[in-house]
Amino acid sequence: MENKKLKEYNITWERYEKALSKVLSNFANSGIETVTVEEIWVETSLPIDLILEILERNKLNYPEEIKEIKYKNEIIWSRNEK
C-alpha cells in the first residue's frame, strides 16, 4: 500500500522546472536582477518548499540577467557561485 501511495504522488519535476524558468525569464525581462523565493511564490502559487526543492536540484537554466535568488534575506543561489 505504501508503494502505491508513492507512485500516485510522483512529481513531474520538468513541469515545475519549466514554470520556474518562465517566471525567472519574466523577472529578467522586467530588469530585475535579484529575485526572492517569496516573489516566485506569488507568481507561481507553488508551495515554497517545492520551489526550494526545485532550486536545490539546480537543473534550471537561469537567465543571464538574474544575479541572485534570496530566501528570508539569505542568498540561496548566486551567479557568482556557479
PDB file of N, CA and C in Angstrom:
ATOM      1  N   MET A   1       0.826  -1.196   0.000  1.00  0.00           N
ATOM      2  CA  MET A   1       0.000   0.000   0.000  1.00  0.00           C
ATOM      3  C   MET A   1       0.865   1.252   0.000  1.00  0.00           C
ATOM      4  N   GLU A   2       1.944   1.232   0.762  1.00  0.00           N
ATOM      5  CA  GLU A   2       2.838   2.394   0.861  1.00  0.00           C
ATOM      6  C   GLU A   2       3.434   2.749  -0.505  1.00  0.00           C
ATOM      7  N   ASN A   3       3.895   1.738  -1.251  1.00  0.00           N
ATOM      8  CA  ASN A   3       4.467   1.987  -2.573  1.00  0.00           C
ATOM      9  C   ASN A   3       3.427   2.552  -3.536  1.00  0.00           C
ATOM     10  N   LYS A   4       2.210   2.093  -3.422  1.00  0.00           N
ATOM     11  CA  LYS A   4       1.147   2.584  -4.293  1.00  0.00           C
ATOM     12  C   LYS A   4       0.906   4.079  -4.063  1.00  0.00           C
ATOM     13  N   LYS A   5       0.919   4.496  -2.808  1.00  0.00           N
ATOM     14  CA  LYS A   5       0.738   5.913  -2.492  1.00  0.00           C
ATOM     15  C   LYS A   5       1.861   6.746  -3.079  1.00  0.00           C
ATOM     16  N   LEU A   6       3.082   6.254  -2.967  1.00  0.00           N
ATOM     17  CA  LEU A   6       4.221   6.998  -3.509  1.00  0.00           C
ATOM     18  C   LEU A   6       4.113   7.150  -5.024  1.00  0.00           C
ATOM     19  N   LYS A   7       3.667   6.132  -5.721  1.00  0.00           N
ATOM     20  CA  LYS A   7       3.521   6.213  -7.169  1.00  0.00           C
ATOM     21  C   LYS A   7       2.434   7.204  -7.560  1.00  0.00           C
ATOM     22  N   GLU A   8       1.379   7.288  -6.767  1.00  0.00           N
ATOM     23  CA  GLU A   8       0.296   8.225  -7.053  1.00  0.00           C
ATOM     24  C   GLU A   8       0.766   9.665  -6.972  1.00  0.00           C
ATOM     25  N   TYR A   9       1.721   9.939  -6.107  1.00  0.00           N
ATOM     26  CA  TYR A   9       2.205  11.302  -5.892  1.00  0.00           C
ATOM     27  C   TYR A   9       3.544  11.553  -6.569  1.00  0.00           C
ATOM     28  N   ASN A  10       3.822  10.817  -7.627  1.00  0.00           N
ATOM     29  CA  ASN A  10       5.064  11.001  -8.362  1.00  0.00           C
ATOM     30  C   ASN A  10       5.107  12.411  -8.936  1.00  0.00           C
ATOM     31  N   ILE A  11       6.164  13.128  -8.633  1.00  0.00           N
ATOM     32  CA  ILE A  11       6.285  14.517  -9.064  1.00  0.00           C
ATOM     33  C   ILE A  11       6.899  14.572 -10.458  1.00  0.00           C
ATOM     34  N   THR A  12       6.295  15.370 -11.313  1.00  0.00           N
ATOM     35  CA  THR A  12       6.852  15.620 -12.634  1.00  0.00           C
ATOM     36  C   THR A  12       7.698  16.888 -12.522  1.00  0.00           C
ATOM     37  N   TRP A  13       8.975  16.696 -12.241  1.00  0.00           N
ATOM     38  CA  TRP A  13       9.872  17.814 -11.988  1.00  0.00           C
ATOM     39  C   TRP A  13       9.942  18.772 -13.164  1.00  0.00           C
ATOM     40  N   GLU A  14       9.970  18.227 -14.373  1.00  0.00           N
ATOM     41  CA  GLU A  14      10.134  19.063 -15.563  1.00  0.00           C
ATOM     42  C   GLU A  14       9.043  20.126 -15.662  1.00  0.00           C
ATOM     43  N   ARG A  15       7.844  19.760 -15.298  1.00  0.00           N
ATOM     44  CA  ARG A  15       6.721  20.686 -15.354  1.00  0.00           C
ATOM     45  C   ARG A  15       6.939  21.888 -14.433  1.00  0.00           C
ATOM     46  N   TYR A  16       7.387  21.609 -13.220  1.00  0.00           N
ATOM     47  CA  TYR A  16       7.622  22.677 -12.253  1.00  0.00           C
ATOM     48  C   TYR A  16       8.881  23.474 -12.601  1.00  0.00           C
ATOM     49  N   GLU A  17       9.903  22.789 -13.102  1.00  0.00           N
ATOM     50  CA  GLU A  17      11.117  23.490 -13.525  1.00  0.00           C
ATOM     51  C   GLU A  17      10.811  24.452 -14.668  1.00  0.00           C
ATOM     52  N   LYS A  18       9.954  24.030 -15.579  1.00  0.00           N
ATOM     53  CA  LYS A  18       9.554  24.892 -16.693  1.00  0.00           C
ATOM     54  C   LYS A  18       8.803  26.125 -16.183  1.00  0.00           C
ATOM     55  N   ALA A  19       7.930  25.923 -15.217  1.00  0.00           N
ATOM     56  CA  ALA A  19       7.171  27.041 -14.635  1.00  0.00           C
ATOM     57  C   ALA A  19       8.114  28.037 -13.965  1.00  0.00           C
ATOM     58  N   LEU A  20       9.088  27.544 -13.206  1.00  0.00           N
ATOM     59  CA  LEU A  20      10.037  28.436 -12.548  1.00  0.00           C
ATOM     60  C   LEU A  20      10.919  29.154 -13.560  1.00  0.00           C
ATOM     61  N   SER A  21      11.349  28.458 -14.592  1.00  0.00           N
ATOM     62  CA  SER A  21      12.173  29.081 -15.631  1.00  0.00           C
ATOM     63  C   SER A  21      11.422  30.215 -16.317  1.00  0.00           C
ATOM     64  N   LYS A  22      10.149  29.994 -16.573  1.00  0.00           N
ATOM     65  CA  LYS A  22       9.337  31.027 -17.221  1.00  0.00           C
ATOM     66  C   LYS A  22       9.204  32.256 -16.331  1.00  0.00           C
ATOM     67  N   VAL A  23       8.941  32.037 -15.050  1.00  0.00           N
ATOM     68  CA  VAL A  23       8.809  33.159 -14.118  1.00  0.00           C
ATOM     69  C   VAL A  23      10.127  33.910 -13.992  1.00  0.00           C
ATOM     70  N   LEU A  24      11.241  33.182 -13.915  1.00  0.00           N
ATOM     71  CA  LEU A  24      12.547  33.844 -13.831  1.00  0.00           C
ATOM     72  C   LEU A  24      12.826  34.650 -15.094  1.00  0.00           C
ATOM     73  N   SER A  25      12.419  34.132 -16.242  1.00  0.00           N
ATOM     74  CA  SER A  25      12.572  34.879 -17.502  1.00  0.00           C
ATOM     75  C   SER A  25      11.743  36.155 -17.481  1.00  0.00           C
ATOM     76  N   ASN A  26      10.536  36.067 -16.942  1.00  0.00           N
ATOM     77  CA  ASN A  26       9.685  37.255 -16.830  1.00  0.00           C
ATOM     78  C   ASN A  26      10.334  38.314 -15.930  1.00  0.00           C
ATOM     79  N   PHE A  27      10.918  37.881 -14.817  1.00  0.00           N
ATOM     80  CA  PHE A  27      11.619  38.817 -13.940  1.00  0.00           C
ATOM     81  C   PHE A  27      12.801  39.444 -14.679  1.00  0.00           C
ATOM     82  N   ALA A  28      13.563  38.615 -15.377  1.00  0.00           N
ATOM     83  CA  ALA A  28      14.725  39.110 -16.119  1.00  0.00           C
ATOM     84  C   ALA A  28      14.303  40.119 -17.183  1.00  0.00           C
ATOM     85  N   ASN A  29      13.222  39.834 -17.892  1.00  0.00           N
ATOM     86  CA  ASN A  29      12.725  40.747 -18.922  1.00  0.00           C
ATOM     87  C   ASN A  29      12.255  42.071 -18.343  1.00  0.00           C
ATOM     88  N   SER A  30      11.914  42.062 -17.062  1.00  0.00           N
ATOM     89  CA  SER A  30      11.497  43.286 -16.371  1.00  0.00           C
ATOM     90  C   SER A  30      12.683  44.046 -15.790  1.00  0.00           C
ATOM     91  N   GLY A  31      13.879  43.516 -15.971  1.00  0.00           N
ATOM     92  CA  GLY A  31      15.082  44.182 -15.476  1.00  0.00           C
ATOM     93  C   GLY A  31      15.413  43.876 -14.030  1.00  0.00           C
ATOM     94  N   ILE A  32      14.790  42.864 -13.458  1.00  0.00           N
ATOM     95  CA  ILE A  32      15.031  42.503 -12.057  1.00  0.00           C
ATOM     96  C   ILE A  32      16.222  41.546 -11.987  1.00  0.00           C
ATOM     97  N   GLU A  33      17.213  41.898 -11.172  1.00  0.00           N
ATOM     98  CA  GLU A  33      18.419  41.076 -11.042  1.00  0.00           C
ATOM     99  C   GLU A  33      18.406  40.187  -9.804  1.00  0.00           C
ATOM    100  N   THR A  34      17.753  40.639  -8.744  1.00  0.00           N
ATOM    101  CA  THR A  34      17.659  39.871  -7.500  1.00  0.00           C
ATOM    102  C   THR A  34      16.205  39.496  -7.278  1.00  0.00           C
ATOM    103  N   VAL A  35      15.967  38.199  -7.158  1.00  0.00           N
ATOM    104  CA  VAL A  35      14.606  37.677  -7.006  1.00  0.00           C
ATOM    105  C   VAL A  35      14.519  36.972  -5.661  1.00  0.00           C
ATOM    106  N   THR A  36      13.370  37.084  -5.002  1.00  0.00           N
ATOM    107  CA  THR A  36      13.168  36.348  -3.753  1.00  0.00           C
ATOM    108  C   THR A  36      12.250  35.150  -4.019  1.00  0.00           C
ATOM    109  N   VAL A  37      12.393  34.146  -3.179  1.00  0.00           N
ATOM    110  CA  VAL A  37      11.531  32.971  -3.279  1.00  0.00           C
ATOM    111  C   VAL A  37      10.074  33.382  -3.079  1.00  0.00           C
ATOM    112  N   GLU A  38       9.867  34.360  -2.228  1.00  0.00           N
ATOM    113  CA  GLU A  38       8.507  34.840  -1.984  1.00  0.00           C
ATOM    114  C   GLU A  38       7.898  35.440  -3.253  1.00  0.00           C
ATOM    115  N   GLU A  39       8.700  36.145  -4.041  1.00  0.00           N
ATOM    116  CA  GLU A  39       8.213  36.692  -5.316  1.00  0.00           C
ATOM    117  C   GLU A  39       7.874  35.573  -6.299  1.00  0.00           C
ATOM    118  N   ILE A  40       8.704  34.543  -6.310  1.00  0.00           N
ATOM    119  CA  ILE A  40       8.425  33.383  -7.165  1.00  0.00           C
ATOM    120  C   ILE A  40       7.127  32.724  -6.723  1.00  0.00           C
ATOM    121  N   TRP A  41       6.949  32.602  -5.410  1.00  0.00           N
ATOM    122  CA  TRP A  41       5.733  32.004  -4.852  1.00  0.00           C
ATOM    123  C   TRP A  41       4.495  32.774  -5.286  1.00  0.00           C
ATOM    124  N   VAL A  42       4.557  34.112  -5.222  1.00  0.00           N
ATOM    125  CA  VAL A  42       3.412  34.936  -5.616  1.00  0.00           C
ATOM    126  C   VAL A  42       3.078  34.710  -7.092  1.00  0.00           C
ATOM    127  N   GLU A  43       4.092  34.603  -7.926  1.00  0.00           N
ATOM    128  CA  GLU A  43       3.873  34.452  -9.366  1.00  0.00           C
ATOM    129  C   GLU A  43       3.404  33.053  -9.763  1.00  0.00           C
ATOM    130  N   THR A  44       3.844  32.022  -9.022  1.00  0.00           N
ATOM    131  CA  THR A  44       3.542  30.639  -9.430  1.00  0.00           C
ATOM    132  C   THR A  44       2.473  29.967  -8.581  1.00  0.00           C
ATOM    133  N   SER A  45       2.283  30.424  -7.363  1.00  0.00           N
ATOM    134  CA  SER A  45       1.390  29.779  -6.389  1.00  0.00           C
ATOM    135  C   SER A  45       1.855  28.374  -6.003  1.00  0.00           C
ATOM    136  N   LEU A  46       3.094  28.037  -6.305  1.00  0.00           N
ATOM    137  CA  LEU A  46       3.652  26.757  -5.871  1.00  0.00           C
ATOM    138  C   LEU A  46       4.040  26.872  -4.400  1.00  0.00           C
ATOM    139  N   PRO A  47       3.949  25.785  -3.658  1.00  0.00           N
ATOM    140  CA  PRO A  47       4.377  25.830  -2.251  1.00  0.00           C
ATOM    141  C   PRO A  47       5.862  26.199  -2.157  1.00  0.00           C
ATOM    142  N   ILE A  48       6.199  26.979  -1.152  1.00  0.00           N
ATOM    143  CA  ILE A  48       7.580  27.444  -1.009  1.00  0.00           C
ATOM    144  C   ILE A  48       8.550  26.277  -0.878  1.00  0.00           C
ATOM    145  N   ASP A  49       8.177  25.219  -0.149  1.00  0.00           N
ATOM    146  CA  ASP A  49       9.095  24.087  -0.008  1.00  0.00           C
ATOM    147  C   ASP A  49       9.353  23.409  -1.355  1.00  0.00           C
ATOM    148  N   LEU A  50       8.368  23.396  -2.244  1.00  0.00           N
ATOM    149  CA  LEU A  50       8.567  22.841  -3.582  1.00  0.00           C
ATOM    150  C   LEU A  50       9.492  23.738  -4.402  1.00  0.00           C
ATOM    151  N   ILE A  51       9.310  25.037  -4.303  1.00  0.00           N
ATOM    152  CA  ILE A  51      10.193  25.979  -5.003  1.00  0.00           C
ATOM    153  C   ILE A  51      11.634  25.788  -4.536  1.00  0.00           C
ATOM    154  N   LEU A  52      11.826  25.686  -3.233  1.00  0.00           N
ATOM    155  CA  LEU A  52      13.169  25.491  -2.686  1.00  0.00           C
ATOM    156  C   LEU A  52      13.784  24.176  -3.172  1.00  0.00           C
ATOM    157  N   GLU A  53      12.970  23.134  -3.223  1.00  0.00           N
ATOM    158  CA  GLU A  53      13.451  21.825  -3.701  1.00  0.00           C
ATOM    159  C   GLU A  53      13.890  21.908  -5.160  1.00  0.00           C
ATOM    160  N   ILE A  54      13.115  22.584  -5.971  1.00  0.00           N
ATOM    161  CA  ILE A  54      13.454  22.727  -7.391  1.00  0.00           C
ATOM    162  C   ILE A  54      14.739  23.533  -7.552  1.00  0.00           C
ATOM    163  N   LEU A  55      14.870  24.606  -6.794  1.00  0.00           N
ATOM    164  CA  LEU A  55      16.092  25.401  -6.862  1.00  0.00           C
ATOM    165  C   LEU A  55      17.295  24.601  -6.384  1.00  0.00           C
ATOM    166  N   GLU A  56      17.088  23.780  -5.368  1.00  0.00           N
ATOM    167  CA  GLU A  56      18.168  22.955  -4.826  1.00  0.00           C
ATOM    168  C   GLU A  56      18.635  21.906  -5.834  1.00  0.00           C
ATOM    169  N   ARG A  57      17.724  21.397  -6.629  1.00  0.00           N
ATOM    170  CA  ARG A  57      18.069  20.402  -7.652  1.00  0.00           C
ATOM    171  C   ARG A  57      19.001  20.986  -8.706  1.00  0.00           C
ATOM    172  N   ASN A  58      18.965  22.305  -8.863  1.00  0.00           N
ATOM    173  CA  ASN A  58      19.876  23.056  -9.731  1.00  0.00           C
ATOM    174  C   ASN A  58      19.864  22.570 -11.183  1.00  0.00           C
ATOM    175  N   LYS A  59      18.686  22.296 -11.705  1.00  0.00           N
ATOM    176  CA  LYS A  59      18.563  21.877 -13.093  1.00  0.00           C
ATOM    177  C   LYS A  59      17.896  22.949 -13.952  1.00  0.00           C
ATOM    178  N   LEU A  60      17.788  24.152 -13.409  1.00  0.00           N
ATOM    179  CA  LEU A  60      17.163  25.246 -14.138  1.00  0.00           C
ATOM    180  C   LEU A  60      18.197  25.971 -14.990  1.00  0.00           C
ATOM    181  N   ASN A  61      17.727  26.536 -16.077  1.00  0.00           N
ATOM    182  CA  ASN A  61      18.552  27.449 -16.863  1.00  0.00           C
ATOM    183  C   ASN A  61      18.187  28.850 -16.406  1.00  0.00           C
ATOM    184  N   TYR A  62      19.092  29.469 -15.672  1.00  0.00           N
ATOM    185  CA  TYR A  62      18.833  30.799 -15.136  1.00  0.00           C
ATOM    186  C   TYR A  62      19.158  31.843 -16.197  1.00  0.00           C
ATOM    187  N   PRO A  63      18.270  32.809 -16.394  1.00  0.00           N
ATOM    188  CA  PRO A  63      18.568  33.887 -17.338  1.00  0.00           C
ATOM    189  C   PRO A  63      19.821  34.652 -16.885  1.00  0.00           C
ATOM    190  N   GLU A  64      20.595  35.120 -17.851  1.00  0.00           N
ATOM    191  CA  GLU A  64      21.824  35.859 -17.543  1.00  0.00           C
ATOM    192  C   GLU A  64      21.569  37.077 -16.663  1.00  0.00           C
ATOM    193  N   GLU A  65      20.405  37.695 -16.821  1.00  0.00           N
ATOM    194  CA  GLU A  65      20.092  38.914 -16.077  1.00  0.00           C
ATOM    195  C   GLU A  65      19.868  38.673 -14.582  1.00  0.00           C
ATOM    196  N   ILE A  66      19.487  37.462 -14.228  1.00  0.00           N
ATOM    197  CA  ILE A  66      19.252  37.130 -12.808  1.00  0.00           C
ATOM    198  C   ILE A  66      20.606  36.881 -12.148  1.00  0.00           C
ATOM    199  N   LYS A  67      20.916  37.693 -11.146  1.00  0.00           N
ATOM    200  CA  LYS A  67      22.213  37.603 -10.466  1.00  0.00           C
ATOM    201  C   LYS A  67      22.154  36.772  -9.190  1.00  0.00           C
ATOM    202  N   GLU A  68      20.999  36.824  -8.488  1.00  0.00           N
ATOM    203  CA  GLU A  68      20.886  36.027  -7.264  1.00  0.00           C
ATOM    204  C   GLU A  68      19.424  35.803  -6.892  1.00  0.00           C
ATOM    205  N   ILE A  69      19.219  34.752  -6.100  1.00  0.00           N
ATOM    206  CA  ILE A  69      17.899  34.427  -5.567  1.00  0.00           C
ATOM    207  C   ILE A  69      18.042  34.358  -4.052  1.00  0.00           C
ATOM    208  N   LYS A  70      17.128  35.036  -3.358  1.00  0.00           N
ATOM    209  CA  LYS A  70      17.176  35.100  -1.896  1.00  0.00           C
ATOM    210  C   LYS A  70      15.944  34.444  -1.290  1.00  0.00           C
ATOM    211  N   TYR A  71      16.142  33.956  -0.074  1.00  0.00           N
ATOM    212  CA  TYR A  71      15.039  33.436   0.737  1.00  0.00           C
ATOM    213  C   TYR A  71      15.272  33.889   2.166  1.00  0.00           C
ATOM    214  N   LYS A  72      14.329  34.623   2.700  1.00  0.00           N
ATOM    215  CA  LYS A  72      14.441  35.177   4.061  1.00  0.00           C
ATOM    216  C   LYS A  72      15.753  35.950   4.230  1.00  0.00           C
ATOM    217  N   ASN A  73      16.046  36.811   3.268  1.00  0.00           N
ATOM    218  CA  ASN A  73      17.222  37.692   3.263  1.00  0.00           C
ATOM    219  C   ASN A  73      18.559  36.958   3.175  1.00  0.00           C
ATOM    220  N   GLU A  74      18.556  35.676   2.862  1.00  0.00           N
ATOM    221  CA  GLU A  74      19.795  34.926   2.651  1.00  0.00           C
ATOM    222  C   GLU A  74      19.894  34.548   1.183  1.00  0.00           C
ATOM    223  N   ILE A  75      21.071  34.653   0.625  1.00  0.00           N
ATOM    224  CA  ILE A  75      21.281  34.281  -0.773  1.00  0.00           C
ATOM    225  C   ILE A  75      21.325  32.756  -0.854  1.00  0.00           C
ATOM    226  N   ILE A  76      20.406  32.184  -1.639  1.00  0.00           N
ATOM    227  CA  ILE A  76      20.402  30.722  -1.786  1.00  0.00           C
ATOM    228  C   ILE A  76      20.942  30.297  -3.151  1.00  0.00           C
ATOM    229  N   TRP A  77      21.026  31.239  -4.092  1.00  0.00           N
ATOM    230  CA  TRP A  77      21.650  30.988  -5.387  1.00  0.00           C
ATOM    231  C   TRP A  77      22.259  32.288  -5.875  1.00  0.00           C
ATOM    232  N   SER A  78      23.456  32.186  -6.416  1.00  0.00           N
ATOM    233  CA  SER A  78      24.124  33.360  -6.955  1.00  0.00           C
ATOM    234  C   SER A  78      24.850  32.968  -8.228  1.00  0.00           C
ATOM    235  N   ARG A  79      24.818  33.852  -9.206  1.00  0.00           N
ATOM    236  CA  ARG A  79      25.529  33.591 -10.454  1.00  0.00           C
ATOM    237  C   ARG A  79      27.015  33.420 -10.186  1.00  0.00           C
ATOM    238  N   ASN A  80      27.552  34.116  -9.187  1.00  0.00           N
ATOM    239  CA  ASN A  80      28.971  34.030  -8.856  1.00  0.00           C
ATOM    240  C   ASN A  80      29.367  32.661  -8.322  1.00  0.00           C
ATOM    241  N   GLU A  81      28.410  31.927  -7.736  1.00  0.00           N
ATOM    242  CA  GLU A  81      28.709  30.603  -7.175  1.00  0.00           C
ATOM    243  C   GLU A  81      28.804  29.528  -8.234  1.00  0.00           C
ATOM    244  N   LYS A  82      28.217  29.775  -9.405  1.00  0.00           N
ATOM    245  CA  LYS A  82      28.179  28.755 -10.444  1.00  0.00           C
ATOM    246  C   LYS A  82      29.500  28.477 -11.055  1.00  0.00           C
TER     247      LYS A  82
END
